[in-house]
C-alpha atoms as a PDB file:
ATOM      1  CA  MET A   1      -0.202  -0.015  -0.067  1.00  0.00           C
ATOM      2  CA  ILE A   2       1.284   3.376  -0.937  1.00  0.00           C
ATOM      3  CA  TYR A   3       0.657   6.538   1.076  1.00  0.00           C
ATOM      4  CA  ASP A   4       0.957  10.002  -0.171  1.00  0.00           C
ATOM      5  CA  PHE A   5       1.201  12.090   3.022  1.00  0.00           C
ATOM      6  CA  SER A   6       2.680  14.848   1.358  1.00  0.00           C
ATOM      7  CA  TYR A   7      -0.465  16.926   0.627  1.00  0.00           C
ATOM      8  CA  THR A   8      -2.268  16.612   4.139  1.00  0.00           C
ATOM      9  CA  VAL A   9      -1.453  18.431   7.181  1.00  0.00           C
ATOM     10  CA  GLU A  10      -1.898  15.098   9.139  1.00  0.00           C
ATOM     11  CA  GLY A  11       0.503  13.432   6.787  1.00  0.00           C
ATOM     12  CA  THR A  12       3.178  16.075   7.206  1.00  0.00           C
ATOM     13  CA  LYS A  13       2.914  16.112  10.764  1.00  0.00           C
ATOM     14  CA  LEU A  14       3.285  12.403  10.780  1.00  0.00           C
ATOM     15  CA  LEU A  15       6.508  12.553   8.546  1.00  0.00           C
ATOM     16  CA  GLU A  16       7.978  15.410  10.748  1.00  0.00           C
ATOM     17  CA  ALA A  17       7.509  13.181  13.973  1.00  0.00           C
ATOM     18  CA  VAL A  18       9.215  10.186  12.086  1.00  0.00           C
ATOM     19  CA  ALA A  19      11.971  12.393  11.072  1.00  0.00           C
ATOM     20  CA  ASP A  20      12.284  13.763  14.571  1.00  0.00           C
ATOM     21  CA  ILE A  21      12.203  10.597  16.322  1.00  0.00           C
ATOM     22  CA  ALA A  22      14.676   8.815  13.917  1.00  0.00           C
ATOM     23  CA  PHE A  23      17.125  11.822  14.025  1.00  0.00           C
ATOM     24  CA  ILE A  24      16.939  11.753  17.924  1.00  0.00           C
ATOM     25  CA  ALA A  25      17.459   8.057  17.974  1.00  0.00           C
ATOM     26  CA  GLY A  26      20.462   8.327  15.724  1.00  0.00           C
ATOM     27  CA  GLN A  27      21.691  11.059  17.971  1.00  0.00           C
ATOM     28  CA  ARG A  28      21.615   8.581  20.968  1.00  0.00           C
ATOM     29  CA  GLY A  29      23.208   5.742  19.029  1.00  0.00           C
ATOM     30  CA  PHE A  30      20.063   3.511  18.767  1.00  0.00           C
ATOM     31  CA  PHE A  31      20.275   0.583  16.512  1.00  0.00           C
ATOM     32  CA  SER A  32      18.610  -2.709  17.450  1.00  0.00           C
ATOM     33  CA  GLY A  33      20.340  -4.546  14.749  1.00  0.00           C
ATOM     34  CA  ASP A  34      17.560  -4.654  12.440  1.00  0.00           C
ATOM     35  CA  SER A  35      17.050  -1.286  10.523  1.00  0.00           C
ATOM     36  CA  ARG A  36      13.923  -2.174   8.780  1.00  0.00           C
ATOM     37  CA  GLU A  37      12.258  -3.036  12.375  1.00  0.00           C
ATOM     38  CA  ASP A  38      13.661   0.127  13.790  1.00  0.00           C
ATOM     39  CA  ILE A  39      12.074   2.193  10.918  1.00  0.00           C
ATOM     40  CA  ALA A  40       8.781   0.551  11.531  1.00  0.00           C
ATOM     41  CA  GLU A  41       9.026   1.311  15.252  1.00  0.00           C
ATOM     42  CA  PHE A  42       9.719   4.930  14.538  1.00  0.00           C
ATOM     43  CA  ILE A  43       6.620   5.031  12.662  1.00  0.00           C
ATOM     44  CA  ARG A  44       4.737   3.563  15.194  1.00  0.00           C
ATOM     45  CA  TRP A  45       6.050   5.740  17.889  1.00  0.00           C
ATOM     46  CA  ALA A  46       5.365   8.966  15.421  1.00  0.00           C
ATOM     47  CA  ARG A  47       1.558   7.878  15.239  1.00  0.00           C
ATOM     48  CA  GLU A  48       1.510   7.591  19.016  1.00  0.00           C
ATOM     49  CA  PHE A  49       3.062  10.884  19.437  1.00  0.00           C
ATOM     50  CA  GLU A  50       0.589  12.375  17.012  1.00  0.00           C
ATOM     51  CA  ALA A  51      -2.333  10.687  18.974  1.00  0.00           C
ATOM     52  CA  ILE A  52      -1.143  11.830  22.299  1.00  0.00           C
ATOM     53  CA  HIS A  53      -0.698  15.393  20.852  1.00  0.00           C
ATOM     54  CA  GLU A  54      -3.901  15.739  18.744  1.00  0.00           C
ATOM     55  CA  GLU A  55      -5.166  18.354  20.734  1.00  0.00           C
ATOM     56  CA  THR A  56      -1.827  20.007  21.739  1.00  0.00           C
ATOM     57  CA  ASP A  57      -1.526  23.867  21.065  1.00  0.00           C
ATOM     58  CA  TRP A  58       2.117  24.048  19.926  1.00  0.00           C
ATOM     59  CA  ASP A  59       1.882  27.963  20.282  1.00  0.00           C
ATOM     60  CA  GLU A  60       1.746  26.932  24.138  1.00  0.00           C
ATOM     61  CA  THR A  61       3.997  23.787  24.116  1.00  0.00           C
ATOM     62  CA  ASP A  62       7.474  23.549  22.658  1.00  0.00           C
ATOM     63  CA  TYR A  63       7.343  20.767  19.994  1.00  0.00           C
ATOM     64  CA  GLU A  64      11.043  20.024  20.131  1.00  0.00           C
ATOM     65  CA  ASP A  65      10.889  19.668  23.868  1.00  0.00           C
ATOM     66  CA  ALA A  66       7.824  17.281  23.667  1.00  0.00           C
ATOM     67  CA  ILE A  67       9.268  15.154  20.792  1.00  0.00           C
ATOM     68  CA  GLU A  68      12.664  14.731  22.498  1.00  0.00           C
ATOM     69  CA  ALA A  69      11.178  13.707  25.662  1.00  0.00           C
ATOM     70  CA  PHE A  70       8.756  11.408  24.137  1.00  0.00           C
ATOM     71  CA  THR A  71      11.558   9.915  22.065  1.00  0.00           C
ATOM     72  CA  ASN A  72      13.836   9.571  24.920  1.00  0.00           C
ATOM     73  CA  ASN A  73      11.295   7.760  27.017  1.00  0.00           C
ATOM     74  CA  LYS A  74      10.773   5.320  24.385  1.00  0.00           C
ATOM     75  CA  LEU A  75      14.334   4.498  23.880  1.00  0.00           C
ATOM     76  CA  ARG A  76      14.919   4.061  27.571  1.00  0.00           C
ATOM     77  CA  PHE A  77      11.791   1.608  27.684  1.00  0.00           C
ATOM     78  CA  ASP A  78      13.144  -0.273  24.547  1.00  0.00           C
ATOM     79  CA  LEU A  79      16.737  -0.615  25.859  1.00  0.00           C
ATOM     80  CA  ASP A  80      15.833  -1.857  29.299  1.00  0.00           C
END
Protein backbone atom coordinates (compact mmCIF):
# COMPACT_ATOMS: atom_id res chain seq x y z
CA MET A 1 0.00 0.00 0.00
CA ILE A 2 1.40 3.40 -0.97
CA TYR A 3 0.65 6.41 1.19
CA ASP A 4 0.91 9.94 -0.16
CA PHE A 5 1.08 12.04 2.98
CA SER A 6 2.74 15.03 1.40
CA TYR A 7 -0.50 16.84 0.65
CA THR A 8 -2.22 16.61 4.01
CA VAL A 9 -1.53 18.40 7.27
CA GLU A 10 -1.80 15.09 9.14
CA GLY A 11 0.61 13.41 6.76
CA THR A 12 3.12 16.22 7.00
CA LYS A 13 2.94 16.15 10.80
CA LEU A 14 3.47 12.39 10.85
CA LEU A 15 6.45 12.60 8.49
CA GLU A 16 7.98 15.36 10.62
CA ALA A 17 7.51 13.28 13.77
CA VAL A 18 9.08 10.20 12.13
CA ALA A 19 12.06 12.26 10.96
CA ASP A 20 12.51 13.88 14.37
CA ILE A 21 12.25 10.56 16.21
CA ALA A 22 14.75 8.91 13.85
CA PHE A 23 17.13 11.85 14.18
CA ILE A 24 16.98 11.81 17.99
CA ALA A 25 17.39 8.02 18.08
CA GLY A 26 20.40 8.32 15.78
CA GLN A 27 21.94 10.99 17.99
CA ARG A 28 21.55 8.63 20.95
CA GLY A 29 23.21 5.80 19.02
CA PHE A 30 20.10 3.65 18.94
CA PHE A 31 20.26 0.59 16.69
CA SER A 32 18.51 -2.68 17.44
CA GLY A 33 20.42 -4.59 14.78
CA ASP A 34 17.46 -4.56 12.36
CA SER A 35 17.11 -1.24 10.55
CA ARG A 36 13.79 -2.19 8.93
CA GLU A 37 12.29 -2.99 12.34
CA ASP A 38 13.73 0.24 13.78
CA ILE A 39 12.05 2.26 11.02
CA ALA A 40 8.74 0.46 11.59
CA GLU A 41 9.08 1.18 15.31
CA PHE A 42 9.77 4.88 14.66
CA ILE A 43 6.62 5.07 12.53
CA ARG A 44 4.59 3.44 15.33
CA TRP A 45 6.07 5.88 17.83
CA ALA A 46 5.30 8.84 15.56
CA ARG A 47 1.67 7.71 15.25
CA GLU A 48 1.48 7.38 19.02
CA PHE A 49 3.05 10.82 19.51
CA GLU A 50 0.60 12.40 17.10
CA ALA A 51 -2.36 10.68 18.81
CA ILE A 52 -1.21 11.85 22.25
CA HIS A 53 -0.74 15.40 20.98
CA GLU A 54 -3.79 15.60 18.74
CA GLU A 55 -5.18 18.53 20.75
CA THR A 56 -1.86 20.09 21.78
CA ASP A 57 -1.54 23.80 21.14
CA TRP A 58 2.00 24.07 19.80
CA ASP A 59 1.95 27.81 20.42
CA GLU A 60 1.83 26.98 24.14
CA THR A 61 3.92 23.78 24.17
CA ASP A 62 7.42 23.49 22.74
CA TYR A 63 7.31 20.81 20.04
CA GLU A 64 11.03 20.06 20.12
CA ASP A 65 11.00 19.52 23.89
CA ALA A 66 7.91 17.30 23.62
CA ILE A 67 9.22 15.07 20.81
CA GLU A 68 12.62 14.78 22.46
CA ALA A 69 11.12 13.80 25.83
CA PHE A 70 8.78 11.32 24.14
CA THR A 71 11.61 9.73 22.14
CA ASN A 72 13.99 9.60 25.08
CA ASN A 73 11.30 7.84 27.10
CA LYS A 74 10.72 5.31 24.31
CA LEU A 75 14.43 4.66 23.89
CA ARG A 76 14.91 4.01 27.61
CA PHE A 77 11.88 1.73 27.65
CA ASP A 78 13.08 -0.26 24.65
CA LEU A 79 16.68 -0.50 25.83
CA ASP A 80 15.85 -1.84 29.31
